[in-house]
Amino acid sequence: MLTDSLAGPGQEGKGHYCAYELAPGTFLSDQRNTFVALENMRNFAKEYKATGKPFFVGLGFHKPHLPWHFPKKVLWCCLLLLCVLLRCLC
């Protein structure tokens, strides 16, 4: 059963997945880091257009290492997509 593989916060050792109910406007660390990197890229791109000075932006993601952390709505979207694909293949 799907819920047997889910672990809540603080129970990461009990499953490979950790689906969170995120409050609106809250994000996981990789999401926050991505937003910062995008903002930096926008700022550096403006500077590049003005001065021609090249730039580098490095971004490392902590996930997808086990356990995988993601919002629960992502899990259900993936399951829905899988059901649609399986239905198309049959």
PDB file of N, CA and C in Angstrom:
ATOM      1  N   MET A   1       0.847  -1.183   0.000  1.00  0.00           N
ATOM      2  CA  MET A   1       0.000   0.000   0.000  1.00  0.00           C
ATOM      3  C   MET A   1       0.886   1.238   0.000  1.00  0.00           C
ATOM      4  N   LEU A   2       0.485   2.260  -0.714  1.00  0.00           N
ATOM      5  CA  LEU A   2       1.299   3.441  -0.907  1.00  0.00           C
ATOM      6  C   LEU A   2       1.636   4.148   0.388  1.00  0.00           C
ATOM      7  N   THR A   3       0.686   4.310   1.272  1.00  0.00           N
ATOM      8  CA  THR A   3       0.943   5.069   2.487  1.00  0.00           C
ATOM      9  C   THR A   3       1.941   4.385   3.403  1.00  0.00           C
ATOM     10  N   ASP A   4       2.153   3.077   3.266  1.00  0.00           N
ATOM     11  CA  ASP A   4       3.144   2.391   4.089  1.00  0.00           C
ATOM     12  C   ASP A   4       4.554   2.876   3.812  1.00  0.00           C
ATOM     13  N   SER A   5       4.810   3.374   2.600  1.00  0.00           N
ATOM     14  CA  SER A   5       6.157   3.820   2.259  1.00  0.00           C
ATOM     15  C   SER A   5       6.370   5.292   2.608  1.00  0.00           C
ATOM     16  N   LEU A   6       5.332   5.976   3.042  1.00  0.00           N
ATOM     17  CA  LEU A   6       5.461   7.393   3.378  1.00  0.00           C
ATOM     18  C   LEU A   6       5.874   7.553   4.834  1.00  0.00           C
ATOM     19  N   ALA A   7       6.763   8.473   5.072  1.00  0.00           N
ATOM     20  CA  ALA A   7       7.184   8.780   6.440  1.00  0.00           C
ATOM     21  C   ALA A   7       6.949  10.260   6.680  1.00  0.00           C
ATOM     22  N   GLY A   8       6.507  10.586   7.857  1.00  0.00           N
ATOM     23  CA  GLY A   8       6.282  11.985   8.192  1.00  0.00           C
ATOM     24  C   GLY A   8       7.556  12.646   8.665  1.00  0.00           C
ATOM     25  N   PRO A   9       7.502  13.938   8.924  1.00  0.00           N
ATOM     26  CA  PRO A   9       8.687  14.635   9.406  1.00  0.00           C
ATOM     27  C   PRO A   9       9.226  13.981  10.679  1.00  0.00           C
ATOM     28  N   GLY A  10      10.527  13.794  10.725  1.00  0.00           N
ATOM     29  CA  GLY A  10      11.146  13.149  11.872  1.00  0.00           C
ATOM     30  C   GLY A  10      11.147  11.637  11.798  1.00  0.00           C
ATOM     31  N   GLN A  11      10.541  11.075  10.760  1.00  0.00           N
ATOM     32  CA  GLN A  11      10.473   9.624  10.603  1.00  0.00           C
ATOM     33  C   GLN A  11      11.143   9.195   9.307  1.00  0.00           C
ATOM     34  N   GLU A  12      12.142   9.957   8.865  1.00  0.00           N
ATOM     35  CA  GLU A  12      12.730   9.707   7.556  1.00  0.00           C
ATOM     36  C   GLU A  12      13.323   8.312   7.416  1.00  0.00           C
ATOM     37  N   GLY A  13      13.761   7.687   8.499  1.00  0.00           N
ATOM     38  CA  GLY A  13      14.366   6.368   8.412  1.00  0.00           C
ATOM     39  C   GLY A  13      13.361   5.261   8.173  1.00  0.00           C
ATOM     40  N   LYS A  14      12.087   5.553   8.183  1.00  0.00           N
ATOM     41  CA  LYS A  14      11.060   4.519   8.088  1.00  0.00           C
ATOM     42  C   LYS A  14      10.541   4.320   6.671  1.00  0.00           C
ATOM     43  N   GLY A  15      10.990   5.096   5.718  1.00  0.00           N
ATOM     44  CA  GLY A  15      10.532   4.945   4.344  1.00  0.00           C
ATOM     45  C   GLY A  15      11.432   5.732   3.421  1.00  0.00           C
ATOM     46  N   HIS A  16      11.247   5.523   2.153  1.00  0.00           N
ATOM     47  CA  HIS A  16      12.062   6.234   1.170  1.00  0.00           C
ATOM     48  C   HIS A  16      11.430   7.551   0.756  1.00  0.00           C
ATOM     49  N   TYR A  17      10.209   7.790   1.145  1.00  0.00           N
ATOM     50  CA  TYR A  17       9.511   8.996   0.739  1.00  0.00           C
ATOM     51  C   TYR A  17       9.089   9.775   1.967  1.00  0.00           C
ATOM     52  N   CYS A  18       9.086  11.058   1.864  1.00  0.00           N
ATOM     53  CA  CYS A  18       8.629  11.907   2.950  1.00  0.00           C
ATOM     54  C   CYS A  18       7.809  13.026   2.324  1.00  0.00           C
ATOM     55  N   ALA A  19       6.516  12.825   2.200  1.00  0.00           N
ATOM     56  CA  ALA A  19       5.633  13.795   1.570  1.00  0.00           C
ATOM     57  C   ALA A  19       5.090  14.744   2.629  1.00  0.00           C
ATOM     58  N   TYR A  20       5.326  16.008   2.442  1.00  0.00           N
ATOM     59  CA  TYR A  20       4.922  17.021   3.405  1.00  0.00           C
ATOM     60  C   TYR A  20       3.657  17.732   2.970  1.00  0.00           C
ATOM     61  N   GLU A  21       2.852  18.115   3.941  1.00  0.00           N
ATOM     62  CA  GLU A  21       1.753  19.041   3.701  1.00  0.00           C
ATOM     63  C   GLU A  21       2.337  20.428   3.929  1.00  0.00           C
ATOM     64  N   LEU A  22       2.686  21.117   2.866  1.00  0.00           N
ATOM     65  CA  LEU A  22       3.284  22.442   2.998  1.00  0.00           C
ATOM     66  C   LEU A  22       2.200  23.505   3.076  1.00  0.00           C
ATOM     67  N   ALA A  23       2.388  24.438   3.998  1.00  0.00           N
ATOM     68  CA  ALA A  23       1.480  25.578   4.084  1.00  0.00           C
ATOM     69  C   ALA A  23       1.703  26.460   2.864  1.00  0.00           C
ATOM     70  N   PRO A  24       0.669  27.129   2.378  1.00  0.00           N
ATOM     71  CA  PRO A  24       0.845  28.018   1.233  1.00  0.00           C
ATOM     72  C   PRO A  24       1.961  29.030   1.497  1.00  0.00           C
ATOM     73  N   GLY A  25       2.814  29.206   0.501  1.00  0.00           N
ATOM     74  CA  GLY A  25       3.905  30.159   0.627  1.00  0.00           C
ATOM     75  C   GLY A  25       5.148  29.611   1.290  1.00  0.00           C
ATOM     76  N   THR A  26       5.156  28.326   1.673  1.00  0.00           N
ATOM     77  CA  THR A  26       6.359  27.720   2.246  1.00  0.00           C
ATOM     78  C   THR A  26       6.966  26.768   1.221  1.00  0.00           C
ATOM     79  N   PHE A  27       8.271  26.601   1.290  1.00  0.00           N
ATOM     80  CA  PHE A  27       8.969  25.809   0.292  1.00  0.00           C
ATOM     81  C   PHE A  27      10.044  24.960   0.959  1.00  0.00           C
ATOM     82  N   LEU A  28      10.408  23.870   0.313  1.00  0.00           N
ATOM     83  CA  LEU A  28      11.512  23.039   0.769  1.00  0.00           C
ATOM     84  C   LEU A  28      12.825  23.731   0.399  1.00  0.00           C
ATOM     85  N   SER A  29      13.920  23.303   1.021  1.00  0.00           N
ATOM     86  CA  SER A  29      15.207  23.998   0.855  1.00  0.00           C
ATOM     87  C   SER A  29      15.660  24.059  -0.601  1.00  0.00           C
ATOM     88  N   ASP A  30      15.500  22.992  -1.372  1.00  0.00           N
ATOM     89  CA  ASP A  30      15.916  23.026  -2.778  1.00  0.00           C
ATOM     90  C   ASP A  30      15.090  24.026  -3.569  1.00  0.00           C
ATOM     91  N   GLN A  31      13.807  24.160  -3.242  1.00  0.00           N
ATOM     92  CA  GLN A  31      12.973  25.139  -3.918  1.00  0.00           C
ATOM     93  C   GLN A  31      13.444  26.561  -3.593  1.00  0.00           C
ATOM     94  N   ARG A  32      13.723  26.824  -2.319  1.00  0.00           N
ATOM     95  CA  ARG A  32      14.200  28.153  -1.926  1.00  0.00           C
ATOM     96  C   ARG A  32      15.525  28.479  -2.595  1.00  0.00           C
ATOM     97  N   ASN A  33      16.444  27.509  -2.627  1.00  0.00           N
ATOM     98  CA  ASN A  33      17.731  27.735  -3.277  1.00  0.00           C
ATOM     99  C   ASN A  33      17.575  28.013  -4.770  1.00  0.00           C
ATOM    100  N   THR A  34      16.631  27.344  -5.409  1.00  0.00           N
ATOM    101  CA  THR A  34      16.366  27.579  -6.827  1.00  0.00           C
ATOM    102  C   THR A  34      15.875  29.000  -7.053  1.00  0.00           C
ATOM    103  N   PHE A  35      14.972  29.477  -6.200  1.00  0.00           N
ATOM    104  CA  PHE A  35      14.474  30.851  -6.328  1.00  0.00           C
ATOM    105  C   PHE A  35      15.610  31.860  -6.204  1.00  0.00           C
ATOM    106  N   VAL A  36      16.524  31.634  -5.256  1.00  0.00           N
ATOM    107  CA  VAL A  36      17.667  32.539  -5.075  1.00  0.00           C
ATOM    108  C   VAL A  36      18.564  32.506  -6.310  1.00  0.00           C
ATOM    109  N   ALA A  37      18.836  31.308  -6.828  1.00  0.00           N
ATOM    110  CA  ALA A  37      19.683  31.184  -8.015  1.00  0.00           C
ATOM    111  C   ALA A  37      19.054  31.880  -9.219  1.00  0.00           C
ATOM    112  N   LEU A  38      17.748  31.734  -9.390  1.00  0.00           N
ATOM    113  CA  LEU A  38      17.071  32.404 -10.507  1.00  0.00           C
ATOM    114  C   LEU A  38      17.161  33.916 -10.383  1.00  0.00           C
ATOM    115  N   GLU A  39      16.977  34.419  -9.182  1.00  0.00           N
ATOM    116  CA  GLU A  39      17.082  35.862  -8.969  1.00  0.00           C
ATOM    117  C   GLU A  39      18.505  36.343  -9.258  1.00  0.00           C
ATOM    118  N   ASN A  40      19.500  35.581  -8.803  1.00  0.00           N
ATOM    119  CA  ASN A  40      20.896  35.933  -9.098  1.00  0.00           C
ATOM    120  C   ASN A  40      21.162  35.925 -10.595  1.00  0.00           C
ATOM    121  N   MET A  41      20.635  34.929 -11.299  1.00  0.00           N
ATOM    122  CA  MET A  41      20.828  34.869 -12.750  1.00  0.00           C
ATOM    123  C   MET A  41      20.200  36.069 -13.444  1.00  0.00           C
ATOM    124  N   ARG A  42      19.027  36.468 -12.991  1.00  0.00           N
ATOM    125  CA  ARG A  42      18.389  37.654 -13.587  1.00  0.00           C
ATOM    126  C   ARG A  42      19.251  38.896 -13.374  1.00  0.00           C
ATOM    127  N   ASN A  43      19.748  39.068 -12.157  1.00  0.00           N
ATOM    128  CA  ASN A  43      20.586  40.235 -11.857  1.00  0.00           C
ATOM    129  C   ASN A  43      21.885  40.205 -12.650  1.00  0.00           C
ATOM    130  N   PHE A  44      22.545  39.041 -12.706  1.00  0.00           N
ATOM    131  CA  PHE A  44      23.803  38.940 -13.448  1.00  0.00           C
ATOM    132  C   PHE A  44      23.582  39.115 -14.945  1.00  0.00           C
ATOM    133  N   ALA A  45      22.439  38.645 -15.463  1.00  0.00           N
ATOM    134  CA  ALA A  45      22.137  38.806 -16.882  1.00  0.00           C
ATOM    135  C   ALA A  45      21.975  40.289 -17.228  1.00  0.00           C
ATOM    136  N   LYS A  46      21.327  41.054 -16.345  1.00  0.00           N
ATOM    137  CA  LYS A  46      21.201  42.499 -16.575  1.00  0.00           C
ATOM    138  C   LYS A  46      22.577  43.152 -16.619  1.00  0.00           C
ATOM    139  N   GLU A  47      23.438  42.747 -15.667  1.00  0.00           N
ATOM    140  CA  GLU A  47      24.799  43.295 -15.633  1.00  0.00           C
ATOM    141  C   GLU A  47      25.578  42.890 -16.883  1.00  0.00           C
ATOM    142  N   TYR A  48      25.386  41.646 -17.333  1.00  0.00           N
ATOM    143  CA  TYR A  48      26.068  41.166 -18.534  1.00  0.00           C
ATOM    144  C   TYR A  48      25.637  41.979 -19.758  1.00  0.00           C
ATOM    145  N   LYS A  49      24.354  42.257 -19.873  1.00  0.00           N
ATOM    146  CA  LYS A  49      23.864  43.039 -21.011  1.00  0.00           C
ATOM    147  C   LYS A  49      24.450  44.444 -20.994  1.00  0.00           C
ATOM    148  N   ALA A  50      24.631  44.988 -19.803  1.00  0.00           N
ATOM    149  CA  ALA A  50      25.143  46.354 -19.689  1.00  0.00           C
ATOM    150  C   ALA A  50      26.659  46.428 -19.870  1.00  0.00           C
ATOM    151  N   THR A  51      27.398  45.443 -19.349  1.00  0.00           N
ATOM    152  CA  THR A  51      28.863  45.542 -19.322  1.00  0.00           C
ATOM    153  C   THR A  51      29.579  44.487 -20.158  1.00  0.00           C
ATOM    154  N   GLY A  52      28.900  43.387 -20.475  1.00  0.00           N
ATOM    155  CA  GLY A  52      29.546  42.298 -21.189  1.00  0.00           C
ATOM    156  C   GLY A  52      30.383  41.410 -20.290  1.00  0.00           C
ATOM    157  N   LYS A  53      30.343  41.671 -18.984  1.00  0.00           N
ATOM    158  CA  LYS A  53      31.115  40.882 -18.027  1.00  0.00           C
ATOM    159  C   LYS A  53      30.457  39.509 -17.855  1.00  0.00           C
ATOM    160  N   PRO A  54      31.186  38.419 -18.171  1.00  0.00           N
ATOM    161  CA  PRO A  54      30.600  37.078 -18.019  1.00  0.00           C
ATOM    162  C   PRO A  54      30.378  36.741 -16.548  1.00  0.00           C
ATOM    163  N   PHE A  55      29.511  35.768 -16.323  1.00  0.00           N
ATOM    164  CA  PHE A  55      29.205  35.372 -14.952  1.00  0.00           C
ATOM    165  C   PHE A  55      29.006  33.864 -14.880  1.00  0.00           C
ATOM    166  N   PHE A  56      29.058  33.352 -13.674  1.00  0.00           N
ATOM    167  CA  PHE A  56      28.818  31.932 -13.409  1.00  0.00           C
ATOM    168  C   PHE A  56      27.917  31.834 -12.194  1.00  0.00           C
ATOM    169  N   VAL A  57      26.904  31.001 -12.276  1.00  0.00           N
ATOM    170  CA  VAL A  57      26.038  30.713 -11.136  1.00  0.00           C
ATOM    171  C   VAL A  57      26.068  29.213 -10.911  1.00  0.00           C
ATOM    172  N   GLY A  58      26.485  28.806  -9.729  1.00  0.00           N
ATOM    173  CA  GLY A  58      26.488  27.384  -9.380  1.00  0.00           C
ATOM    174  C   GLY A  58      25.361  27.089  -8.407  1.00  0.00           C
ATOM    175  N   LEU A  59      24.680  25.986  -8.627  1.00  0.00           N
ATOM    176  CA  LEU A  59      23.574  25.592  -7.754  1.00  0.00           C
ATOM    177  C   LEU A  59      23.634  24.089  -7.560  1.00  0.00           C
ATOM    178  N   GLY A  60      23.688  23.667  -6.321  1.00  0.00           N
ATOM    179  CA  GLY A  60      23.655  22.242  -6.020  1.00  0.00           C
ATOM    180  C   GLY A  60      22.361  21.889  -5.313  1.00  0.00           C
ATOM    181  N   PHE A  61      21.801  20.760  -5.682  1.00  0.00           N
ATOM    182  CA  PHE A  61      20.569  20.299  -5.051  1.00  0.00           C
ATOM    183  C   PHE A  61      20.897  19.221  -4.032  1.00  0.00           C
ATOM    184  N   HIS A  62      20.312  19.334  -2.873  1.00  0.00           N
ATOM    185  CA  HIS A  62      20.495  18.330  -1.827  1.00  0.00           C
ATOM    186  C   HIS A  62      19.703  17.068  -2.156  1.00  0.00           C
ATOM    187  N   LYS A  63      18.542  17.243  -2.705  1.00  0.00           N
ATOM    188  CA  LYS A  63      17.708  16.111  -3.064  1.00  0.00           C
ATOM    189  C   LYS A  63      18.006  15.781  -4.507  1.00  0.00           C
ATOM    190  N   PRO A  64      17.828  14.686  -5.066  1.00  0.00           N
ATOM    191  CA  PRO A  64      16.951  13.595  -4.676  1.00  0.00           C
ATOM    192  C   PRO A  64      17.652  12.457  -3.944  1.00  0.00           C
ATOM    193  N   HIS A  65      18.310  12.720  -2.878  1.00  0.00           N
ATOM    194  CA  HIS A  65      18.894  11.661  -2.080  1.00  0.00           C
ATOM    195  C   HIS A  65      17.822  11.090  -1.157  1.00  0.00           C
ATOM    196  N   LEU A  66      17.956   9.830  -0.825  1.00  0.00           N
ATOM    197  CA  LEU A  66      16.983   9.216   0.074  1.00  0.00           C
ATOM    198  C   LEU A  66      17.106   9.812   1.462  1.00  0.00           C
ATOM    199  N   PRO A  67      16.044  10.033   2.154  1.00  0.00           N
ATOM    200  CA  PRO A  67      14.663   9.952   1.693  1.00  0.00           C
ATOM    201  C   PRO A  67      14.314  11.153   0.821  1.00  0.00           C
ATOM    202  N   TRP A  68      13.416  10.948  -0.119  1.00  0.00           N
ATOM    203  CA  TRP A  68      12.985  12.019  -0.997  1.00  0.00           C
ATOM    204  C   TRP A  68      11.925  12.844  -0.284  1.00  0.00           C
ATOM    205  N   HIS A  69      12.124  14.142  -0.227  1.00  0.00           N
ATOM    206  CA  HIS A  69      11.164  15.056   0.400  1.00  0.00           C
ATOM    207  C   HIS A  69      10.482  15.855  -0.697  1.00  0.00           C
ATOM    208  N   PHE A  70       9.176  15.927  -0.638  1.00  0.00           N
ATOM    209  CA  PHE A  70       8.425  16.681  -1.633  1.00  0.00           C
ATOM    210  C   PHE A  70       7.040  16.974  -1.083  1.00  0.00           C
ATOM    211  N   PRO A  71       6.382  18.006  -1.630  1.00  0.00           N
ATOM    212  CA  PRO A  71       5.006  18.290  -1.211  1.00  0.00           C
ATOM    213  C   PRO A  71       4.073  17.151  -1.629  1.00  0.00           C
ATOM    214  N   LYS A  72       3.073  16.873  -0.803  1.00  0.00           N
ATOM    215  CA  LYS A  72       2.133  15.777  -1.100  1.00  0.00           C
ATOM    216  C   LYS A  72       1.416  15.973  -2.427  1.00  0.00           C
ATOM    217  N   LYS A  73       1.134  17.237  -2.800  1.00  0.00           N
ATOM    218  CA  LYS A  73       0.412  17.441  -4.061  1.00  0.00           C
ATOM    219  C   LYS A  73       1.227  16.945  -5.249  1.00  0.00           C
ATOM    220  N   VAL A  74       2.567  16.959  -5.149  1.00  0.00           N
ATOM    221  CA  VAL A  74       3.418  16.436  -6.219  1.00  0.00           C
ATOM    222  C   VAL A  74       3.232  14.926  -6.334  1.00  0.00           C
ATOM    223  N   LEU A  75       3.140  14.236  -5.208  1.00  0.00           N
ATOM    224  CA  LEU A  75       2.928  12.791  -5.212  1.00  0.00           C
ATOM    225  C   LEU A  75       1.651  12.442  -5.965  1.00  0.00           C
ATOM    226  N   TRP A  76       0.579  13.140  -5.666  1.00  0.00           N
ATOM    227  CA  TRP A  76      -0.700  12.812  -6.296  1.00  0.00           C
ATOM    228  C   TRP A  76      -0.699  13.172  -7.775  1.00  0.00           C
ATOM    229  N   CYS A  77       0.008  14.217  -8.164  1.00  0.00           N
ATOM    230  CA  CYS A  77       0.129  14.555  -9.586  1.00  0.00           C
ATOM    231  C   CYS A  77       0.879  13.457 -10.334  1.00  0.00           C
ATOM    232  N   CYS A  78       1.938  12.941  -9.721  1.00  0.00           N
ATOM    233  CA  CYS A  78       2.710  11.868 -10.350  1.00  0.00           C
ATOM    234  C   CYS A  78       1.883  10.596 -10.462  1.00  0.00           C
ATOM    235  N   LEU A  79       1.131  10.288  -9.420  1.00  0.00           N
ATOM    236  CA  LEU A  79       0.285   9.086  -9.466  1.00  0.00           C
ATOM    237  C   LEU A  79      -0.797   9.212 -10.531  1.00  0.00           C
ATOM    238  N   LEU A  80      -1.373  10.394 -10.660  1.00  0.00           N
ATOM    239  CA  LEU A  80      -2.393  10.623 -11.681  1.00  0.00           C
ATOM    240  C   LEU A  80      -1.787  10.465 -13.070  1.00  0.00           C
ATOM    241  N   LEU A  81      -0.609  11.036 -13.281  1.00  0.00           N
ATOM    242  CA  LEU A  81       0.068  10.903 -14.569  1.00  0.00           C
ATOM    243  C   LEU A  81       0.379   9.440 -14.869  1.00  0.00           C
ATOM    244  N   LEU A  82       0.833   8.695 -13.875  1.00  0.00           N
ATOM    245  CA  LEU A  82       1.119   7.278 -14.064  1.00  0.00           C
ATOM    246  C   LEU A  82      -0.142   6.523 -14.452  1.00  0.00           C
ATOM    247  N   CYS A  83      -1.260   6.813 -13.819  1.00  0.00           N
ATOM    248  CA  CYS A  83      -2.519   6.151 -14.153  1.00  0.00           C
ATOM    249  C   CYS A  83      -2.926   6.454 -15.587  1.00  0.00           C
ATOM    250  N   VAL A  84      -2.768   7.703 -16.002  1.00  0.00           N
ATOM    251  CA  VAL A  84      -3.123   8.089 -17.376  1.00  0.00           C
ATOM    252  C   VAL A  84      -2.227   7.361 -18.373  1.00  0.00           C
ATOM    253  N   LEU A  85      -0.927   7.317 -18.089  1.00  0.00           N
ATOM    254  CA  LEU A  85      -0.002   6.628 -18.996  1.00  0.00           C
ATOM    255  C   LEU A  85      -0.310   5.137 -19.097  1.00  0.00           C
ATOM    256  N   LEU A  86      -0.562   4.520 -17.960  1.00  0.00           N
ATOM    257  CA  LEU A  86      -0.899   3.089 -17.981  1.00  0.00           C
ATOM    258  C   LEU A  86      -2.189   2.826 -18.749  1.00  0.00           C
ATOM    259  N   ARG A  87      -3.135   3.703 -18.593  1.00  0.00           N
ATOM    260  CA  ARG A  87      -4.407   3.540 -19.329  1.00  0.00           C
ATOM    261  C   ARG A  87      -4.186   3.664 -20.835  1.00  0.00           C
ATOM    262  N   CYS A  88      -3.293   4.564 -21.247  1.00  0.00           N
ATOM    263  CA  CYS A  88      -2.987   4.748 -22.663  1.00  0.00           C
ATOM    264  C   CYS A  88      -2.254   3.541 -23.242  1.00  0.00           C
ATOM    265  N   LEU A  89      -1.440   2.906 -22.434  1.00  0.00           N
ATOM    266  CA  LEU A  89      -0.662   1.767 -22.912  1.00  0.00           C
ATOM    267  C   LEU A  89      -1.479   0.489 -22.995  1.00  0.00           C
ATOM    268  N   CYS A  90      -2.570   0.416 -22.267  1.00  0.00           N
ATOM    269  CA  CYS A  90      -3.367  -0.820 -22.249  1.00  0.00           C
ATOM    270  C   CYS A  90      -4.418  -0.842 -23.318  1.00  0.00           C
TER     271      CYS A  90
END
